[in-house]
Structures are given as structure tokens and as C-alpha cells.
Amino acid sequence: MQSLEKIIYVDDQLDIRLVAEYALTNIGNFDLLMCESGEEALTKIEEYDPDLILLDVMMPGIDGPETLSRIRRIARFKTTPAIFITAKIFPSEVHDLMSYGAIDVIAKPFDPVTLSSRIQSVWDELEG
């Protein structure tokens, strides 16, 4: 079973990125690449080669679903697990986001103490 080590996290809000960075690196001990836009993620993802893609849904420019769609066009990322993070957690939105191929949807604001364990748990289910 492949272990989860490298995560790319894309979110336009600096405060959310800082909380996520603390949670994922200090609590989860993940190797993390932070991006502030879908455009930035698209330019850096191939070199970074993440195990998991973590995306905010609502971002200016290219939103999370479109970013994931574009990432999926890169052959080696067609099946890379992705999780959306969103403030809109209504069942219809969750269903729509899952249709993009996400393995989970996490509500904002998320609990920084449990974020890493939630992601690890979803990963373990996927790998198990």
C-alpha cells in the first residue's frame, strides 16, 4: 500500500492556507506544496508530483472543479485522489463535487486538529 506523503493544497485565502499548512505539516507531518490559485497549481503540479490534491472550490480565475478538470488532462494525474474543501456543504453541492472525481468533500471552516487525520482516514479507505 502506498503511503500518503505529498499533498498539493490550492486555496486563494491566505488565512486558510496558513491554518491548513500548520495542520498538514505540523500535525500530519505531510510534505506540502501550497498554491494560491488554480493557475499556480497547474504550473507546479508536475514537478511536485503529489500523492493527493486538496482544492478549495470557490477561487477567482480557475475555480476548484475546473482546476481538477485541467489536472485530470495530465496523464499521470488522471486518477490522483482529490478532495475538495468548501464553505458550501449542501448535499447537492457535495454530489456535484463528487461527480468531478473527488474522494471526499471537507467543510470550511475545518478543524485544524482533525484535518490531517480525516485526510489520512479517507486515504486509508481508498488504499484498503
C-alpha atoms as a PDB file:
ATOM      1  CA  MET A   1       0.000   0.000   0.000  1.00  0.00           C
ATOM      2  CA  GLN A   2       1.314   3.415  -0.979  1.00  0.00           C
ATOM      3  CA  SER A   3       1.641   5.852   1.905  1.00  0.00           C
ATOM      4  CA  LEU A   4       0.315   9.382   1.726  1.00  0.00           C
ATOM      5  CA  GLU A   5       3.253  11.765   1.864  1.00  0.00           C
ATOM      6  CA  LYS A   6       2.893  14.653  -0.603  1.00  0.00           C
ATOM      7  CA  ILE A   7      -0.150  16.926  -0.782  1.00  0.00           C
ATOM      8  CA  ILE A   8      -0.752  19.932  -3.012  1.00  0.00           C
ATOM      9  CA  TYR A   9      -3.202  22.384  -1.417  1.00  0.00           C
ATOM     10  CA  VAL A  10      -4.834  25.089  -3.524  1.00  0.00           C
ATOM     11  CA  ASP A  11      -6.736  27.938  -1.847  1.00  0.00           C
ATOM     12  CA  ASP A  12      -6.896  31.651  -2.624  1.00  0.00           C
ATOM     13  CA  GLN A  13      -7.366  32.702   1.031  1.00  0.00           C
ATOM     14  CA  LEU A  14      -4.064  33.265   2.833  1.00  0.00           C
ATOM     15  CA  ASP A  15      -5.519  32.745   6.326  1.00  0.00           C
ATOM     16  CA  ILE A  16      -6.988  29.366   5.350  1.00  0.00           C
ATOM     17  CA  ARG A  17      -3.703  28.329   3.686  1.00  0.00           C
ATOM     18  CA  LEU A  18      -1.784  29.198   6.854  1.00  0.00           C
ATOM     19  CA  VAL A  19      -4.126  27.158   9.069  1.00  0.00           C
ATOM     20  CA  ALA A  20      -4.019  24.245   6.604  1.00  0.00           C
ATOM     21  CA  GLU A  21      -0.238  24.470   6.365  1.00  0.00           C
ATOM     22  CA  TYR A  22       0.096  24.235  10.136  1.00  0.00           C
ATOM     23  CA  ALA A  23      -2.384  21.361  10.338  1.00  0.00           C
ATOM     24  CA  LEU A  24      -0.931  19.339   7.489  1.00  0.00           C
ATOM     25  CA  THR A  25       2.774  19.849   8.178  1.00  0.00           C
ATOM     26  CA  ASN A  26       2.985  20.137  11.975  1.00  0.00           C
ATOM     27  CA  ILE A  27       0.162  17.805  12.949  1.00  0.00           C
ATOM     28  CA  GLY A  28       0.015  15.497   9.932  1.00  0.00           C
ATOM     29  CA  ASN A  29       3.712  15.542   9.036  1.00  0.00           C
ATOM     30  CA  PHE A  30       2.886  15.721   5.323  1.00  0.00           C
ATOM     31  CA  ASP A  31       5.132  17.225   2.671  1.00  0.00           C
ATOM     32  CA  LEU A  32       3.014  20.128   1.424  1.00  0.00           C
ATOM     33  CA  LEU A  33       3.008  22.422  -1.595  1.00  0.00           C
ATOM     34  CA  MET A  34       0.751  25.457  -1.124  1.00  0.00           C
ATOM     35  CA  CYS A  35      -0.710  27.272  -4.147  1.00  0.00           C
ATOM     36  CA  GLU A  36      -2.895  30.368  -4.113  1.00  0.00           C
ATOM     37  CA  SER A  37      -4.632  29.723  -7.444  1.00  0.00           C
ATOM     38  CA  GLY A  38      -5.588  27.035  -9.897  1.00  0.00           C
ATOM     39  CA  GLU A  39      -3.222  28.593 -12.393  1.00  0.00           C
ATOM     40  CA  GLU A  40      -0.302  28.298  -9.960  1.00  0.00           C
ATOM     41  CA  ALA A  41      -1.193  24.679  -9.191  1.00  0.00           C
ATOM     42  CA  LEU A  42      -1.223  23.826 -12.896  1.00  0.00           C
ATOM     43  CA  THR A  43       2.281  25.247 -13.336  1.00  0.00           C
ATOM     44  CA  LYS A  44       3.742  23.423 -10.312  1.00  0.00           C
ATOM     45  CA  ILE A  45       1.920  20.090 -10.063  1.00  0.00           C
ATOM     46  CA  GLU A  46       4.046  18.084 -12.491  1.00  0.00           C
ATOM     47  CA  GLU A  47       7.322  18.965 -10.809  1.00  0.00           C
ATOM     48  CA  TYR A  48       5.894  18.374  -7.315  1.00  0.00           C
ATOM     49  CA  ASP A  49       4.099  15.110  -8.232  1.00  0.00           C
ATOM     50  CA  PRO A  50       1.673  14.921  -5.259  1.00  0.00           C
ATOM     51  CA  ASP A  51       0.006  11.816  -3.879  1.00  0.00           C
ATOM     52  CA  LEU A  52      -3.169  13.824  -3.141  1.00  0.00           C
ATOM     53  CA  ILE A  53      -4.775  17.013  -4.462  1.00  0.00           C
ATOM     54  CA  LEU A  54      -6.623  19.247  -1.973  1.00  0.00           C
ATOM     55  CA  LEU A  55      -8.662  22.033  -3.611  1.00  0.00           C
ATOM     56  CA  ASP A  56     -10.759  24.954  -2.481  1.00  0.00           C
ATOM     57  CA  VAL A  57     -13.919  25.122  -4.587  1.00  0.00           C
ATOM     58  CA  MET A  58     -14.513  28.866  -4.924  1.00  0.00           C
ATOM     59  CA  MET A  59     -11.479  30.728  -6.221  1.00  0.00           C
ATOM     60  CA  PRO A  60     -11.115  33.639  -8.626  1.00  0.00           C
ATOM     61  CA  GLY A  61      -9.888  32.745 -12.085  1.00  0.00           C
ATOM     62  CA  ILE A  62      -9.960  28.980 -12.357  1.00  0.00           C
ATOM     63  CA  ASP A  63     -12.180  27.513  -9.623  1.00  0.00           C
ATOM     64  CA  GLY A  64     -11.521  24.193  -7.903  1.00  0.00           C
ATOM     65  CA  PRO A  65     -13.633  21.968 -10.165  1.00  0.00           C
ATOM     66  CA  GLU A  66     -12.115  23.475 -13.314  1.00  0.00           C
ATOM     67  CA  THR A  67      -8.617  23.183 -11.831  1.00  0.00           C
ATOM     68  CA  LEU A  68      -9.240  19.499 -11.153  1.00  0.00           C
ATOM     69  CA  SER A  69     -10.620  19.001 -14.669  1.00  0.00           C
ATOM     70  CA  ARG A  70      -7.448  20.524 -16.131  1.00  0.00           C
ATOM     71  CA  ILE A  71      -5.207  18.482 -13.826  1.00  0.00           C
ATOM     72  CA  ARG A  72      -7.028  15.333 -14.967  1.00  0.00           C
ATOM     73  CA  ARG A  73      -5.925  16.098 -18.556  1.00  0.00           C
ATOM     74  CA  ILE A  74      -2.328  15.460 -17.484  1.00  0.00           C
ATOM     75  CA  ALA A  75      -1.905  11.708 -17.998  1.00  0.00           C
ATOM     76  CA  ARG A  76      -0.178  10.847 -14.727  1.00  0.00           C
ATOM     77  CA  PHE A  77      -2.794  12.709 -12.650  1.00  0.00           C
ATOM     78  CA  LYS A  78      -5.902  11.141 -14.221  1.00  0.00           C
ATOM     79  CA  THR A  79      -6.517   9.066 -11.094  1.00  0.00           C
ATOM     80  CA  THR A  80      -4.666  11.013  -8.384  1.00  0.00           C
ATOM     81  CA  PRO A  81      -7.056  11.250  -5.411  1.00  0.00           C
ATOM     82  CA  ALA A  82      -8.583  14.690  -4.887  1.00  0.00           C
ATOM     83  CA  ILE A  83     -10.513  16.252  -2.021  1.00  0.00           C
ATOM     84  CA  PHE A  84     -12.497  19.485  -2.243  1.00  0.00           C
ATOM     85  CA  ILE A  85     -12.741  21.948   0.638  1.00  0.00           C
ATOM     86  CA  THR A  86     -15.746  24.257   0.554  1.00  0.00           C
ATOM     87  CA  ALA A  87     -17.966  26.508   2.623  1.00  0.00           C
ATOM     88  CA  LYS A  88     -20.969  25.219   0.628  1.00  0.00           C
ATOM     89  CA  ILE A  89     -21.589  21.795   2.066  1.00  0.00           C
ATOM     90  CA  PHE A  90     -25.200  21.237   0.959  1.00  0.00           C
ATOM     91  CA  PRO A  91     -25.914  17.678  -0.249  1.00  0.00           C
ATOM     92  CA  SER A  92     -26.498  18.803  -3.843  1.00  0.00           C
ATOM     93  CA  GLU A  93     -23.136  20.591  -3.952  1.00  0.00           C
ATOM     94  CA  VAL A  94     -21.363  17.592  -2.414  1.00  0.00           C
ATOM     95  CA  HIS A  95     -22.916  15.338  -5.060  1.00  0.00           C
ATOM     96  CA  ASP A  96     -21.805  17.722  -7.841  1.00  0.00           C
ATOM     97  CA  LEU A  97     -18.258  17.903  -6.468  1.00  0.00           C
ATOM     98  CA  MET A  98     -18.001  14.138  -6.146  1.00  0.00           C
ATOM     99  CA  SER A  99     -19.013  13.873  -9.824  1.00  0.00           C
ATOM    100  CA  TYR A 100     -15.685  15.550 -10.678  1.00  0.00           C
ATOM    101  CA  GLY A 101     -13.945  12.509  -9.242  1.00  0.00           C
ATOM    102  CA  ALA A 102     -13.286  13.761  -5.709  1.00  0.00           C
ATOM    103  CA  ILE A 103     -12.931  11.150  -2.976  1.00  0.00           C
ATOM    104  CA  ASP A 104     -14.238  13.469  -0.244  1.00  0.00           C
ATOM    105  CA  VAL A 105     -15.569  16.958   0.460  1.00  0.00           C
ATOM    106  CA  ILE A 106     -14.485  18.752   3.631  1.00  0.00           C
ATOM    107  CA  ALA A 107     -16.468  21.672   5.067  1.00  0.00           C
ATOM    108  CA  LYS A 108     -14.952  25.073   5.776  1.00  0.00           C
ATOM    109  CA  PRO A 109     -14.155  26.092   8.357  1.00  0.00           C
ATOM    110  CA  PHE A 110     -12.368  22.830   9.038  1.00  0.00           C
ATOM    111  CA  ASP A 111     -10.920  21.752  12.366  1.00  0.00           C
ATOM    112  CA  PRO A 112      -7.122  22.056  12.039  1.00  0.00           C
ATOM    113  CA  VAL A 113      -6.620  19.462  14.779  1.00  0.00           C
ATOM    114  CA  THR A 114      -8.537  16.777  12.871  1.00  0.00           C
ATOM    115  CA  LEU A 115      -7.840  17.790   9.244  1.00  0.00           C
ATOM    116  CA  SER A 116      -4.810  15.528   8.814  1.00  0.00           C
ATOM    117  CA  SER A 117      -6.451  12.522  10.429  1.00  0.00           C
ATOM    118  CA  ARG A 118      -9.562  12.978   8.264  1.00  0.00           C
ATOM    119  CA  ILE A 119      -7.456  13.086   5.101  1.00  0.00           C
ATOM    120  CA  GLN A 120      -5.396  10.100   6.242  1.00  0.00           C
ATOM    121  CA  SER A 121      -8.552   8.145   7.034  1.00  0.00           C
ATOM    122  CA  VAL A 122     -10.027   8.807   3.580  1.00  0.00           C
ATOM    123  CA  TRP A 123      -6.680   7.809   2.040  1.00  0.00           C
ATOM    124  CA  ASP A 124      -6.557   4.593   4.056  1.00  0.00           C
ATOM    125  CA  GLU A 125     -10.074   3.654   2.928  1.00  0.00           C
ATOM    126  CA  LEU A 126      -9.078   4.286  -0.665  1.00  0.00           C
ATOM    127  CA  GLU A 127      -5.926   2.182  -0.376  1.00  0.00           C
ATOM    128  CA  GLY A 128      -7.511  -0.514   1.788  1.00  0.00           C
END
